[in-house]
Structure formats: structure tokens, C-alpha cells
């Protein structure tokens, strides 16, 4: 086991199955050095639209760009809410370029799954 980061703030997100326990592969946080680290969230996926990834990045930075936990609760939450509300307004106004909302997905077909089983 190796230590990768020491976090000032760390948010563990629920498992996709909804077990109510934070999953160690779905999180975001800010290190003591001020670097933002995330795993298992939309902005890390290749098929996430650029606009969505940017809004998520900005909201995380607004939320965790504080000095202490109390400031995150008092100021960070409101700043993050403001980022999301501003992004929603831009969507409603139609000023976001369509290419920034495009979902791209690469579909692969596995031949091995389509071949009949060999005779026995």
C-alpha cells in the first residue's frame, strides 16, 4: 500500500448501488498543496460533455477552495450552488455551444461473444 495524497478536504461519494457507505473509488478532494483530485466522477469520463465536466470542476473548486470545514459549509456550499445555477441559466438561455453538450461514446462489438460455441 502506498500513500498517494494527504487531503485537506475529502468527499467520499455513495456507492452506485446505494449502500449508503462511501466508496473508495468515487471521491473528490483538495490536497494540502491545493491540488484537486477526483476519481469515479463524471469529469473524469471521456464521454462526458465538456460543458458538464467544466461545471463540475468549477463547482468542486468553489466548494473546496476554502480554508476550513466551517468555511466550506458556510461559504463553499453557496459558491458551488452559484456555479451550478449560473450554468443552468446559460443552458436555459441557449448560449452554450451544442458541441460542448455532445455526448460521445465509442461502442465496441466483441466478436468472441457472437461466435457459436465449438462442437463438443
PDB file of N, CA and C in Angstrom:
ATOM      1  N   UNK A   1       0.850  -1.164   0.000  1.00  0.00           N
ATOM      2  CA  UNK A   1       0.000   0.000   0.000  1.00  0.00           C
ATOM      3  C   UNK A   1       0.899   1.232   0.000  1.00  0.00           C
ATOM      4  N   UNK A   2       0.505   2.236  -0.785  1.00  0.00           N
ATOM      5  CA  UNK A   2       1.287   3.462  -0.866  1.00  0.00           C
ATOM      6  C   UNK A   2       0.383   4.659  -0.622  1.00  0.00           C
ATOM      7  N   UNK A   3       0.946   5.664   0.008  1.00  0.00           N
ATOM      8  CA  UNK A   3       0.221   6.891   0.263  1.00  0.00           C
ATOM      9  C   UNK A   3       0.365   7.792  -0.953  1.00  0.00           C
ATOM     10  N   UNK A   4      -0.767   8.160  -1.574  1.00  0.00           N
ATOM     11  CA  UNK A   4      -0.724   8.998  -2.768  1.00  0.00           C
ATOM     12  C   UNK A   4      -0.945  10.464  -2.450  1.00  0.00           C
ATOM     13  N   UNK A   5      -1.891  10.761  -1.562  1.00  0.00           N
ATOM     14  CA  UNK A   5      -2.244  12.145  -1.271  1.00  0.00           C
ATOM     15  C   UNK A   5      -2.589  12.305   0.198  1.00  0.00           C
ATOM     16  N   UNK A   6      -2.346  13.514   0.704  1.00  0.00           N
ATOM     17  CA  UNK A   6      -2.842  13.905   2.014  1.00  0.00           C
ATOM     18  C   UNK A   6      -3.834  15.024   1.744  1.00  0.00           C
ATOM     19  N   UNK A   7      -5.072  14.815   2.166  1.00  0.00           N
ATOM     20  CA  UNK A   7      -6.151  15.733   1.818  1.00  0.00           C
ATOM     21  C   UNK A   7      -6.447  16.726   2.926  1.00  0.00           C
ATOM     22  N   UNK A   8      -6.721  17.960   2.526  1.00  0.00           N
ATOM     23  CA  UNK A   8      -7.277  18.968   3.435  1.00  0.00           C
ATOM     24  C   UNK A   8      -8.777  18.704   3.553  1.00  0.00           C
ATOM     25  N   UNK A   9      -9.411  18.447   2.399  1.00  0.00           N
ATOM     26  CA  UNK A   9     -10.828  18.115   2.347  1.00  0.00           C
ATOM     27  C   UNK A   9     -11.009  16.910   1.440  1.00  0.00           C
ATOM     28  N   UNK A  10     -11.894  16.001   1.834  1.00  0.00           N
ATOM     29  CA  UNK A  10     -12.170  14.809   1.035  1.00  0.00           C
ATOM     30  C   UNK A  10     -13.658  14.501   1.106  1.00  0.00           C
ATOM     31  N   UNK A  11     -14.275  14.327  -0.058  1.00  0.00           N
ATOM     32  CA  UNK A  11     -15.690  13.981  -0.136  1.00  0.00           C
ATOM     33  C   UNK A  11     -15.786  12.580  -0.720  1.00  0.00           C
ATOM     34  N   UNK A  12     -16.281  11.634   0.072  1.00  0.00           N
ATOM     35  CA  UNK A  12     -16.497  10.262  -0.396  1.00  0.00           C
ATOM     36  C   UNK A  12     -17.949  10.166  -0.850  1.00  0.00           C
ATOM     37  N   UNK A  13     -18.140   9.780  -2.078  1.00  0.00           N
ATOM     38  CA  UNK A  13     -19.485   9.699  -2.652  1.00  0.00           C
ATOM     39  C   UNK A  13     -20.074   8.319  -2.407  1.00  0.00           C
ATOM     40  N   UNK A  14     -21.408   8.217  -2.357  1.00  0.00           N
ATOM     41  CA  UNK A  14     -22.035   6.912  -2.133  1.00  0.00           C
ATOM     42  C   UNK A  14     -21.731   5.943  -3.267  1.00  0.00           C
ATOM     43  N   UNK A  15     -21.742   4.675  -2.932  1.00  0.00           N
ATOM     44  CA  UNK A  15     -21.563   3.659  -3.956  1.00  0.00           C
ATOM     45  C   UNK A  15     -22.736   3.712  -4.902  1.00  0.00           C
ATOM     46  N   UNK A  16     -22.504   3.277  -6.144  1.00  0.00           N
ATOM     47  CA  UNK A  16     -23.579   3.328  -7.137  1.00  0.00           C
ATOM     48  C   UNK A  16     -24.753   2.444  -6.746  1.00  0.00           C
ATOM     49  N   UNK A  17     -24.523   1.409  -5.984  1.00  0.00           N
ATOM     50  CA  UNK A  17     -25.599   0.528  -5.546  1.00  0.00           C
ATOM     51  C   UNK A  17     -26.459   1.142  -4.456  1.00  0.00           C
ATOM     52  N   UNK A  18     -26.032   2.292  -3.922  1.00  0.00           N
ATOM     53  CA  UNK A  18     -26.820   2.978  -2.908  1.00  0.00           C
ATOM     54  C   UNK A  18     -26.717   2.376  -1.526  1.00  0.00           C
ATOM     55  N   UNK A  19     -25.582   1.744  -1.202  1.00  0.00           N
ATOM     56  CA  UNK A  19     -25.433   1.101   0.091  1.00  0.00           C
ATOM     57  C   UNK A  19     -25.324   2.100   1.238  1.00  0.00           C
ATOM     58  N   UNK A  20     -25.148   3.400   0.917  1.00  0.00           N
ATOM     59  CA  UNK A  20     -25.061   4.405   1.960  1.00  0.00           C
ATOM     60  C   UNK A  20     -23.667   4.578   2.535  1.00  0.00           C
ATOM     61  N   UNK A  21     -22.730   3.773   2.114  1.00  0.00           N
ATOM     62  CA  UNK A  21     -21.354   3.867   2.585  1.00  0.00           C
ATOM     63  C   UNK A  21     -20.521   4.474   1.476  1.00  0.00           C
ATOM     64  N   UNK A  22     -19.600   5.367   1.843  1.00  0.00           N
ATOM     65  CA  UNK A  22     -18.736   5.980   0.845  1.00  0.00           C
ATOM     66  C   UNK A  22     -17.879   4.945   0.131  1.00  0.00           C
ATOM     67  N   UNK A  23     -17.746   5.120  -1.160  1.00  0.00           N
ATOM     68  CA  UNK A  23     -16.941   4.197  -1.958  1.00  0.00           C
ATOM     69  C   UNK A  23     -15.535   4.785  -2.116  1.00  0.00           C
ATOM     70  N   UNK A  24     -14.523   3.982  -1.985  1.00  0.00           N
ATOM     71  CA  UNK A  24     -13.159   4.486  -2.080  1.00  0.00           C
ATOM     72  C   UNK A  24     -12.751   4.770  -3.518  1.00  0.00           C
ATOM     73  N   UNK A  25     -13.562   4.389  -4.479  1.00  0.00           N
ATOM     74  CA  UNK A  25     -13.226   4.671  -5.878  1.00  0.00           C
ATOM     75  C   UNK A  25     -14.078   5.794  -6.466  1.00  0.00           C
ATOM     76  N   UNK A  26     -14.883   6.471  -5.642  1.00  0.00           N
ATOM     77  CA  UNK A  26     -15.690   7.612  -6.089  1.00  0.00           C
ATOM     78  C   UNK A  26     -15.526   8.726  -5.065  1.00  0.00           C
ATOM     79  N   UNK A  27     -14.661   9.689  -5.391  1.00  0.00           N
ATOM     80  CA  UNK A  27     -14.410  10.763  -4.446  1.00  0.00           C
ATOM     81  C   UNK A  27     -13.844  11.981  -5.161  1.00  0.00           C
ATOM     82  N   UNK A  28     -13.835  13.097  -4.465  1.00  0.00           N
ATOM     83  CA  UNK A  28     -13.092  14.270  -4.894  1.00  0.00           C
ATOM     84  C   UNK A  28     -12.584  14.979  -3.648  1.00  0.00           C
ATOM     85  N   UNK A  29     -11.500  15.693  -3.806  1.00  0.00           N
ATOM     86  CA  UNK A  29     -10.937  16.372  -2.661  1.00  0.00           C
ATOM     87  C   UNK A  29      -9.861  17.355  -3.057  1.00  0.00           C
ATOM     88  N   UNK A  30      -9.370  18.070  -2.054  1.00  0.00           N
ATOM     89  CA  UNK A  30      -8.282  19.018  -2.236  1.00  0.00           C
ATOM     90  C   UNK A  30      -7.158  18.640  -1.300  1.00  0.00           C
ATOM     91  N   UNK A  31      -5.946  18.528  -1.849  1.00  0.00           N
ATOM     92  CA  UNK A  31      -4.799  18.131  -1.050  1.00  0.00           C
ATOM     93  C   UNK A  31      -4.295  19.311  -0.234  1.00  0.00           C
ATOM     94  N   UNK A  32      -3.369  19.041   0.666  1.00  0.00           N
ATOM     95  CA  UNK A  32      -2.751  20.105   1.461  1.00  0.00           C
ATOM     96  C   UNK A  32      -2.019  21.107   0.572  1.00  0.00           C
ATOM     97  N   UNK A  33      -1.549  20.640  -0.589  1.00  0.00           N
ATOM     98  CA  UNK A  33      -0.838  21.516  -1.527  1.00  0.00           C
ATOM     99  C   UNK A  33      -1.793  22.323  -2.402  1.00  0.00           C
ATOM    100  N   UNK A  34      -3.100  22.077  -2.294  1.00  0.00           N
ATOM    101  CA  UNK A  34      -4.087  22.815  -3.075  1.00  0.00           C
ATOM    102  C   UNK A  34      -4.468  22.164  -4.390  1.00  0.00           C
ATOM    103  N   UNK A  35      -3.976  20.958  -4.639  1.00  0.00           N
ATOM    104  CA  UNK A  35      -4.318  20.227  -5.871  1.00  0.00           C
ATOM    105  C   UNK A  35      -5.686  19.563  -5.683  1.00  0.00           C
ATOM    106  N   UNK A  36      -6.491  19.590  -6.749  1.00  0.00           N
ATOM    107  CA  UNK A  36      -7.793  18.919  -6.719  1.00  0.00           C
ATOM    108  C   UNK A  36      -7.637  17.535  -7.335  1.00  0.00           C
ATOM    109  N   UNK A  37      -8.130  16.527  -6.628  1.00  0.00           N
ATOM    110  CA  UNK A  37      -8.020  15.140  -7.068  1.00  0.00           C
ATOM    111  C   UNK A  37      -9.427  14.548  -7.093  1.00  0.00           C
ATOM    112  N   UNK A  38      -9.733  13.819  -8.154  1.00  0.00           N
ATOM    113  CA  UNK A  38     -11.044  13.181  -8.217  1.00  0.00           C
ATOM    114  C   UNK A  38     -10.930  11.828  -8.904  1.00  0.00           C
ATOM    115  N   UNK A  39     -11.812  10.942  -8.520  1.00  0.00           N
ATOM    116  CA  UNK A  39     -11.896   9.603  -9.106  1.00  0.00           C
ATOM    117  C   UNK A  39     -13.359   9.200  -9.185  1.00  0.00           C
ATOM    118  N   UNK A  40     -13.707   8.523 -10.283  1.00  0.00           N
ATOM    119  CA  UNK A  40     -15.029   7.930 -10.401  1.00  0.00           C
ATOM    120  C   UNK A  40     -16.172   8.901 -10.593  1.00  0.00           C
ATOM    121  N   UNK A  41     -15.884  10.156 -10.968  1.00  0.00           N
ATOM    122  CA  UNK A  41     -16.967  11.112 -11.198  1.00  0.00           C
ATOM    123  C   UNK A  41     -16.969  11.530 -12.663  1.00  0.00           C
ATOM    124  N   UNK A  42     -18.020  12.212 -13.061  1.00  0.00           N
ATOM    125  CA  UNK A  42     -18.265  12.498 -14.472  1.00  0.00           C
ATOM    126  C   UNK A  42     -17.124  13.221 -15.164  1.00  0.00           C
ATOM    127  N   UNK A  43     -16.502  14.204 -14.491  1.00  0.00           N
ATOM    128  CA  UNK A  43     -15.480  14.970 -15.202  1.00  0.00           C
ATOM    129  C   UNK A  43     -14.267  14.132 -15.585  1.00  0.00           C
ATOM    130  N   UNK A  44     -14.135  12.954 -15.028  1.00  0.00           N
ATOM    131  CA  UNK A  44     -13.038  12.052 -15.393  1.00  0.00           C
ATOM    132  C   UNK A  44     -13.359  11.176 -16.598  1.00  0.00           C
ATOM    133  N   UNK A  45     -14.624  11.066 -16.936  1.00  0.00           N
ATOM    134  CA  UNK A  45     -15.026  10.176 -18.032  1.00  0.00           C
ATOM    135  C   UNK A  45     -14.785  10.841 -19.377  1.00  0.00           C
ATOM    136  N   UNK A  46     -14.389  10.055 -20.347  1.00  0.00           N
ATOM    137  CA  UNK A  46     -14.146  10.577 -21.696  1.00  0.00           C
ATOM    138  C   UNK A  46     -15.427  10.938 -22.423  1.00  0.00           C
ATOM    139  N   UNK A  47     -16.544  10.327 -22.049  1.00  0.00           N
ATOM    140  CA  UNK A  47     -17.790  10.578 -22.772  1.00  0.00           C
ATOM    141  C   UNK A  47     -18.631  11.700 -22.150  1.00  0.00           C
ATOM    142  N   UNK A  48     -18.123  12.339 -21.117  1.00  0.00           N
ATOM    143  CA  UNK A  48     -18.845  13.441 -20.503  1.00  0.00           C
ATOM    144  C   UNK A  48     -18.712  14.692 -21.367  1.00  0.00           C
ATOM    145  N   UNK A  49     -19.813  15.379 -21.640  1.00  0.00           N
ATOM    146  CA  UNK A  49     -19.732  16.613 -22.433  1.00  0.00           C
ATOM    147  C   UNK A  49     -18.809  17.635 -21.761  1.00  0.00           C
ATOM    148  N   UNK A  50     -18.025  18.367 -22.550  1.00  0.00           N
ATOM    149  CA  UNK A  50     -17.080  19.341 -21.984  1.00  0.00           C
ATOM    150  C   UNK A  50     -17.741  20.361 -21.046  1.00  0.00           C
ATOM    151  N   UNK A  51     -18.932  20.820 -21.389  1.00  0.00           N
ATOM    152  CA  UNK A  51     -19.619  21.791 -20.538  1.00  0.00           C
ATOM    153  C   UNK A  51     -19.896  21.205 -19.155  1.00  0.00           C
ATOM    154  N   UNK A  52     -20.372  19.977 -19.104  1.00  0.00           N
ATOM    155  CA  UNK A  52     -20.696  19.323 -17.829  1.00  0.00           C
ATOM    156  C   UNK A  52     -19.438  19.120 -17.001  1.00  0.00           C
ATOM    157  N   UNK A  53     -18.362  18.667 -17.636  1.00  0.00           N
ATOM    158  CA  UNK A  53     -17.107  18.458 -16.920  1.00  0.00           C
ATOM    159  C   UNK A  53     -16.581  19.772 -16.347  1.00  0.00           C
ATOM    160  N   UNK A  54     -16.665  20.859 -17.120  1.00  0.00           N
ATOM    161  CA  UNK A  54     -16.177  22.153 -16.659  1.00  0.00           C
ATOM    162  C   UNK A  54     -17.006  22.677 -15.487  1.00  0.00           C
ATOM    163  N   UNK A  55     -18.322  22.528 -15.564  1.00  0.00           N
ATOM    164  CA  UNK A  55     -19.184  22.978 -14.466  1.00  0.00           C
ATOM    165  C   UNK A  55     -18.886  22.168 -13.208  1.00  0.00           C
ATOM    166  N   UNK A  56     -18.702  20.863 -13.352  1.00  0.00           N
ATOM    167  CA  UNK A  56     -18.403  20.034 -12.190  1.00  0.00           C
ATOM    168  C   UNK A  56     -17.059  20.441 -11.585  1.00  0.00           C
ATOM    169  N   UNK A  57     -16.074  20.691 -12.416  1.00  0.00           N
ATOM    170  CA  UNK A  57     -14.754  21.123 -11.944  1.00  0.00           C
ATOM    171  C   UNK A  57     -14.868  22.455 -11.185  1.00  0.00           C
ATOM    172  N   UNK A  58     -15.579  23.417 -11.769  1.00  0.00           N
ATOM    173  CA  UNK A  58     -15.740  24.728 -11.136  1.00  0.00           C
ATOM    174  C   UNK A  58     -16.503  24.625  -9.815  1.00  0.00           C
ATOM    175  N   UNK A  59     -17.518  23.772  -9.757  1.00  0.00           N
ATOM    176  CA  UNK A  59     -18.291  23.611  -8.524  1.00  0.00           C
ATOM    177  C   UNK A  59     -17.437  22.991  -7.421  1.00  0.00           C
ATOM    178  N   UNK A  60     -16.617  22.018  -7.769  1.00  0.00           N
ATOM    179  CA  UNK A  60     -15.728  21.397  -6.774  1.00  0.00           C
ATOM    180  C   UNK A  60     -14.725  22.427  -6.261  1.00  0.00           C
ATOM    181  N   UNK A  61     -14.159  23.212  -7.162  1.00  0.00           N
ATOM    182  CA  UNK A  61     -13.196  24.235  -6.748  1.00  0.00           C
ATOM    183  C   UNK A  61     -13.865  25.295  -5.882  1.00  0.00           C
ATOM    184  N   UNK A  62     -15.094  25.676  -6.208  1.00  0.00           N
ATOM    185  CA  UNK A  62     -15.829  26.658  -5.403  1.00  0.00           C
ATOM    186  C   UNK A  62     -16.132  26.094  -4.013  1.00  0.00           C
ATOM    187  N   UNK A  63     -16.506  24.826  -3.970  1.00  0.00           N
ATOM    188  CA  UNK A  63     -16.847  24.196  -2.700  1.00  0.00           C
ATOM    189  C   UNK A  63     -15.632  24.022  -1.800  1.00  0.00           C
ATOM    190  N   UNK A  64     -14.555  23.495  -2.354  1.00  0.00           N
ATOM    191  CA  UNK A  64     -13.396  23.125  -1.534  1.00  0.00           C
ATOM    192  C   UNK A  64     -12.290  24.173  -1.509  1.00  0.00           C
ATOM    193  N   UNK A  65     -12.503  25.302  -2.152  1.00  0.00           N
ATOM    194  CA  UNK A  65     -11.484  26.350  -2.170  1.00  0.00           C
ATOM    195  C   UNK A  65     -11.515  27.201  -0.917  1.00  0.00           C
ATOM    196  N   UNK A  66     -11.759  26.598   0.196  1.00  0.00           N
ATOM    197  CA  UNK A  66     -11.910  27.297   1.477  1.00  0.00           C
ATOM    198  C   UNK A  66     -10.770  26.909   2.409  1.00  0.00           C
ATOM    199  N   UNK A  67     -10.684  27.623   3.532  1.00  0.00           N
ATOM    200  CA  UNK A  67      -9.605  27.370   4.473  1.00  0.00           C
ATOM    201  C   UNK A  67      -9.916  26.351   5.546  1.00  0.00           C
ATOM    202  N   UNK A  68     -11.208  26.189   5.879  1.00  0.00           N
ATOM    203  CA  UNK A  68     -11.564  25.253   6.949  1.00  0.00           C
ATOM    204  C   UNK A  68     -12.932  24.648   6.652  1.00  0.00           C
ATOM    205  N   UNK A  69     -13.287  23.631   7.401  1.00  0.00           N
ATOM    206  CA  UNK A  69     -14.538  22.917   7.183  1.00  0.00           C
ATOM    207  C   UNK A  69     -15.730  23.847   7.382  1.00  0.00           C
ATOM    208  N   UNK A  70     -15.672  24.685   8.398  1.00  0.00           N
ATOM    209  CA  UNK A  70     -16.786  25.615   8.643  1.00  0.00           C
ATOM    210  C   UNK A  70     -16.973  26.554   7.463  1.00  0.00           C
ATOM    211  N   UNK A  71     -15.883  27.005   6.858  1.00  0.00           N
ATOM    212  CA  UNK A  71     -15.985  27.879   5.685  1.00  0.00           C
ATOM    213  C   UNK A  71     -16.561  27.123   4.491  1.00  0.00           C
ATOM    214  N   UNK A  72     -16.228  25.842   4.358  1.00  0.00           N
ATOM    215  CA  UNK A  72     -16.820  25.027   3.293  1.00  0.00           C
ATOM    216  C   UNK A  72     -18.331  24.992   3.478  1.00  0.00           C
ATOM    217  N   UNK A  73     -18.787  24.766   4.694  1.00  0.00           N
ATOM    218  CA  UNK A  73     -20.229  24.702   4.970  1.00  0.00           C
ATOM    219  C   UNK A  73     -20.912  26.055   4.777  1.00  0.00           C
ATOM    220  N   UNK A  74     -20.254  27.108   5.224  1.00  0.00           N
ATOM    221  CA  UNK A  74     -20.875  28.423   5.222  1.00  0.00           C
ATOM    222  C   UNK A  74     -20.758  29.129   3.879  1.00  0.00           C
ATOM    223  N   UNK A  75     -19.567  29.082   3.271  1.00  0.00           N
ATOM    224  CA  UNK A  75     -19.290  29.841   2.045  1.00  0.00           C
ATOM    225  C   UNK A  75     -19.197  28.936   0.818  1.00  0.00           C
ATOM    226  N   UNK A  76     -18.492  27.831   0.949  1.00  0.00           N
ATOM    227  CA  UNK A  76     -18.253  26.948  -0.185  1.00  0.00           C
ATOM    228  C   UNK A  76     -19.517  26.405  -0.813  1.00  0.00           C
ATOM    229  N   UNK A  77     -20.463  25.998   0.027  1.00  0.00           N
ATOM    230  CA  UNK A  77     -21.729  25.472  -0.500  1.00  0.00           C
ATOM    231  C   UNK A  77     -22.471  26.517  -1.325  1.00  0.00           C
ATOM    232  N   UNK A  78     -22.502  27.742  -0.851  1.00  0.00           N
ATOM    233  CA  UNK A  78     -23.182  28.809  -1.592  1.00  0.00           C
ATOM    234  C   UNK A  78     -22.455  29.125  -2.894  1.00  0.00           C
ATOM    235  N   UNK A  79     -21.129  29.123  -2.862  1.00  0.00           N
ATOM    236  CA  UNK A  79     -20.377  29.378  -4.097  1.00  0.00           C
ATOM    237  C   UNK A  79     -20.617  28.264  -5.107  1.00  0.00           C
ATOM    238  N   UNK A  80     -20.603  27.018  -4.655  1.00  0.00           N
ATOM    239  CA  UNK A  80     -20.841  25.886  -5.563  1.00  0.00           C
ATOM    240  C   UNK A  80     -22.252  25.941  -6.127  1.00  0.00           C
ATOM    241  N   UNK A  81     -23.219  26.278  -5.287  1.00  0.00           N
ATOM    242  CA  UNK A  81     -24.604  26.429  -5.750  1.00  0.00           C
ATOM    243  C   UNK A  81     -24.692  27.519  -6.818  1.00  0.00           C
ATOM    244  N   UNK A  82     -23.961  28.606  -6.622  1.00  0.00           N
ATOM    245  CA  UNK A  82     -23.932  29.690  -7.594  1.00  0.00           C
ATOM    246  C   UNK A  82     -23.367  29.259  -8.936  1.00  0.00           C
ATOM    247  N   UNK A  83     -22.321  28.425  -8.904  1.00  0.00           N
ATOM    248  CA  UNK A  83     -21.732  27.901 -10.144  1.00  0.00           C
ATOM    249  C   UNK A  83     -22.764  27.089 -10.912  1.00  0.00           C
ATOM    250  N   UNK A  84     -23.474  26.213 -10.204  1.00  0.00           N
ATOM    251  CA  UNK A  84     -24.469  25.355 -10.854  1.00  0.00           C
ATOM    252  C   UNK A  84     -25.652  26.186 -11.366  1.00  0.00           C
ATOM    253  N   UNK A  85     -26.122  27.127 -10.571  1.00  0.00           N
ATOM    254  CA  UNK A  85     -27.246  27.968 -11.007  1.00  0.00           C
ATOM    255  C   UNK A  85     -26.863  28.802 -12.230  1.00  0.00           C
ATOM    256  N   UNK A  86     -25.651  29.327 -12.257  1.00  0.00           N
ATOM    257  CA  UNK A  86     -25.193  30.105 -13.409  1.00  0.00           C
ATOM    258  C   UNK A  86     -25.128  29.225 -14.652  1.00  0.00           C
ATOM    259  N   UNK A  87     -24.642  28.004 -14.493  1.00  0.00           N
ATOM    260  CA  UNK A  87     -24.566  27.064 -15.622  1.00  0.00           C
ATOM    261  C   UNK A  87     -25.963  26.714 -16.123  1.00  0.00           C
ATOM    262  N   UNK A  88     -26.892  26.508 -15.222  1.00  0.00           N
ATOM    263  CA  UNK A  88     -28.274  26.214 -15.622  1.00  0.00           C
ATOM    264  C   UNK A  88     -28.870  27.394 -16.379  1.00  0.00           C
ATOM    265  N   UNK A  89     -28.575  28.599 -15.932  1.00  0.00           N
ATOM    266  CA  UNK A  89     -29.049  29.785 -16.634  1.00  0.00           C
ATOM    267  C   UNK A  89     -28.503  29.867 -18.043  1.00  0.00           C
ATOM    268  N   UNK A  90     -27.238  29.558 -18.206  1.00  0.00           N
ATOM    269  CA  UNK A  90     -26.635  29.557 -19.542  1.00  0.00           C
ATOM    270  C   UNK A  90     -27.298  28.514 -20.431  1.00  0.00           C
ATOM    271  N   UNK A  91     -27.643  27.363 -19.867  1.00  0.00           N
ATOM    272  CA  UNK A  91     -28.345  26.337 -20.641  1.00  0.00           C
ATOM    273  C   UNK A  91     -29.733  26.826 -21.054  1.00  0.00           C
ATOM    274  N   UNK A  92     -30.466  27.412 -20.107  1.00  0.00           N
ATOM    275  CA  UNK A  92     -31.815  27.911 -20.412  1.00  0.00           C
ATOM    276  C   UNK A  92     -31.782  29.011 -21.474  1.00  0.00           C
ATOM    277  N   UNK A  93     -30.753  29.845 -21.435  1.00  0.00           N
ATOM    278  CA  UNK A  93     -30.633  30.934 -22.409  1.00  0.00           C
ATOM    279  C   UNK A  93     -30.163  30.443 -23.777  1.00  0.00           C
ATOM    280  N   UNK A  94     -29.668  29.234 -23.837  1.00  0.00           N
ATOM    281  CA  UNK A  94     -29.209  28.673 -25.108  1.00  0.00           C
ATOM    282  C   UNK A  94     -27.872  29.211 -25.574  1.00  0.00           C
ATOM    283  N   UNK A  95     -27.037  29.675 -24.644  1.00  0.00           N
ATOM    284  CA  UNK A  95     -25.745  30.261 -25.038  1.00  0.00           C
ATOM    285  C   UNK A  95     -24.596  29.250 -25.013  1.00  0.00           C
ATOM    286  N   UNK A  96     -24.875  28.030 -24.553  1.00  0.00           N
ATOM    287  CA  UNK A  96     -23.838  27.001 -24.539  1.00  0.00           C
ATOM    288  C   UNK A  96     -23.771  26.378 -25.934  1.00  0.00           C
ATOM    289  N   UNK A  97     -22.588  26.371 -26.559  1.00  0.00           N
ATOM    290  CA  UNK A  97     -22.477  25.786 -27.895  1.00  0.00           C
ATOM    291  C   UNK A  97     -22.872  24.299 -27.881  1.00  0.00           C
ATOM    292  N   UNK A  98     -23.601  23.853 -28.891  1.00  0.00           N
ATOM    293  CA  UNK A  98     -24.040  22.448 -28.933  1.00  0.00           C
ATOM    294  C   UNK A  98     -22.885  21.447 -28.827  1.00  0.00           C
ATOM    295  N   UNK A  99     -21.728  21.779 -29.396  1.00  0.00           N
ATOM    296  CA  UNK A  99     -20.590  20.844 -29.334  1.00  0.00           C
ATOM    297  C   UNK A  99     -20.093  20.657 -27.907  1.00  0.00           C
ATOM    298  N   UNK A 100     -20.367  21.614 -27.017  1.00  0.00           N
ATOM    299  CA  UNK A 100     -19.965  21.466 -25.620  1.00  0.00           C
ATOM    300  C   UNK A 100     -20.951  20.617 -24.824  1.00  0.00           C
ATOM    301  N   UNK A 101     -22.057  20.230 -25.462  1.00  0.00           N
ATOM    302  CA  UNK A 101     -23.066  19.390 -24.807  1.00  0.00           C
ATOM    303  C   UNK A 101     -23.130  17.992 -25.409  1.00  0.00           C
ATOM    304  N   UNK A 102     -22.299  17.741 -26.383  1.00  0.00           N
ATOM    305  CA  UNK A 102     -22.326  16.467 -27.095  1.00  0.00           C
ATOM    306  C   UNK A 102     -21.757  15.338 -26.235  1.00  0.00           C
ATOM    307  N   UNK A 103     -22.509  14.266 -26.181  1.00  0.00           N
ATOM    308  CA  UNK A 103     -22.043  13.051 -25.502  1.00  0.00           C
ATOM    309  C   UNK A 103     -21.427  12.168 -26.567  1.00  0.00           C
ATOM    310  N   UNK A 104     -20.183  11.806 -26.370  1.00  0.00           N
ATOM    311  CA  UNK A 104     -19.542  10.925 -27.351  1.00  0.00           C
ATOM    312  C   UNK A 104     -19.260   9.587 -26.685  1.00  0.00           C
ATOM    313  N   UNK A 105     -19.588   8.566 -27.387  1.00  0.00           N
ATOM    314  CA  UNK A 105     -19.438   7.215 -26.842  1.00  0.00           C
ATOM    315  C   UNK A 105     -18.870   6.320 -27.918  1.00  0.00           C
ATOM    316  N   UNK A 106     -17.857   5.563 -27.587  1.00  0.00           N
ATOM    317  CA  UNK A 106     -17.287   4.593 -28.515  1.00  0.00           C
ATOM    318  C   UNK A 106     -17.899   3.235 -28.184  1.00  0.00           C
ATOM    319  N   UNK A 107     -18.546   2.653 -29.171  1.00  0.00           N
ATOM    320  CA  UNK A 107     -19.147   1.343 -28.976  1.00  0.00           C
ATOM    321  C   UNK A 107     -18.255   0.297 -29.620  1.00  0.00           C
ATOM    322  N   UNK A 108     -17.999  -0.748 -28.902  1.00  0.00           N
ATOM    323  CA  UNK A 108     -17.171  -1.830 -29.423  1.00  0.00           C
ATOM    324  C   UNK A 108     -17.991  -3.110 -29.410  1.00  0.00           C
ATOM    325  N   UNK A 109     -17.820  -3.839 -30.474  1.00  0.00           N
ATOM    326  CA  UNK A 109     -18.534  -5.105 -30.586  1.00  0.00           C
ATOM    327  C   UNK A 109     -17.510  -6.204 -30.444  1.00  0.00           C
ATOM    328  N   UNK A 110     -17.736  -7.101 -29.541  1.00  0.00           N
ATOM    329  CA  UNK A 110     -16.791  -8.190 -29.303  1.00  0.00           C
ATOM    330  C   UNK A 110     -17.218  -9.395 -30.106  1.00  0.00           C
ATOM    331  N   UNK A 111     -16.400  -9.724 -31.083  1.00  0.00           N
ATOM    332  CA  UNK A 111     -16.701 -10.873 -31.940  1.00  0.00           C
ATOM    333  C   UNK A 111     -16.777 -12.174 -31.152  1.00  0.00           C
ATOM    334  N   UNK A 112     -15.971 -12.306 -30.150  1.00  0.00           N
ATOM    335  CA  UNK A 112     -15.914 -13.562 -29.400  1.00  0.00           C
ATOM    336  C   UNK A 112     -17.275 -13.915 -28.805  1.00  0.00           C
ATOM    337  N   UNK A 113     -18.057 -12.918 -28.451  1.00  0.00           N
ATOM    338  CA  UNK A 113     -19.363 -13.173 -27.831  1.00  0.00           C
ATOM    339  C   UNK A 113     -20.425 -13.549 -28.858  1.00  0.00           C
ATOM    340  N   UNK A 114     -20.151 -13.360 -30.135  1.00  0.00           N
ATOM    341  CA  UNK A 114     -21.166 -13.626 -31.152  1.00  0.00           C
ATOM    342  C   UNK A 114     -20.938 -14.928 -31.894  1.00  0.00           C
ATOM    343  N   UNK A 115     -19.787 -15.531 -31.729  1.00  0.00           N
ATOM    344  CA  UNK A 115     -19.482 -16.775 -32.445  1.00  0.00           C
ATOM    345  C   UNK A 115     -20.165 -17.951 -31.757  1.00  0.00           C
ATOM    346  N   UNK A 116     -20.643 -18.910 -32.535  1.00  0.00           N
ATOM    347  CA  UNK A 116     -21.247 -20.091 -31.906  1.00  0.00           C
ATOM    348  C   UNK A 116     -20.177 -20.904 -31.161  1.00  0.00           C
ATOM    349  N   UNK A 117     -20.619 -21.580 -30.159  1.00  0.00           N
ATOM    350  CA  UNK A 117     -19.709 -22.415 -29.375  1.00  0.00           C
ATOM    351  C   UNK A 117     -19.215 -23.579 -30.238  1.00  0.00           C
ATOM    352  N   UNK A 118     -17.953 -23.977 -30.082  1.00  0.00           N
ATOM    353  CA  UNK A 118     -17.443 -25.085 -30.867  1.00  0.00           C
ATOM    354  C   UNK A 118     -18.140 -26.380 -30.484  1.00  0.00           C
ATOM    355  N   UNK A 119     -18.286 -27.315 -31.438  1.00  0.00           N
ATOM    356  CA  UNK A 119     -18.935 -28.599 -31.119  1.00  0.00           C
ATOM    357  C   UNK A 119     -18.098 -29.385 -30.118  1.00  0.00           C
ATOM    358  N   UNK A 120     -18.760 -30.135 -29.277  1.00  0.00           N
ATOM    359  CA  UNK A 120     -18.043 -30.937 -28.265  1.00  0.00           C
ATOM    360  C   UNK A 120     -18.083 -32.407 -28.581  1.00  0.00           C
TER     361      UNK A 120
END
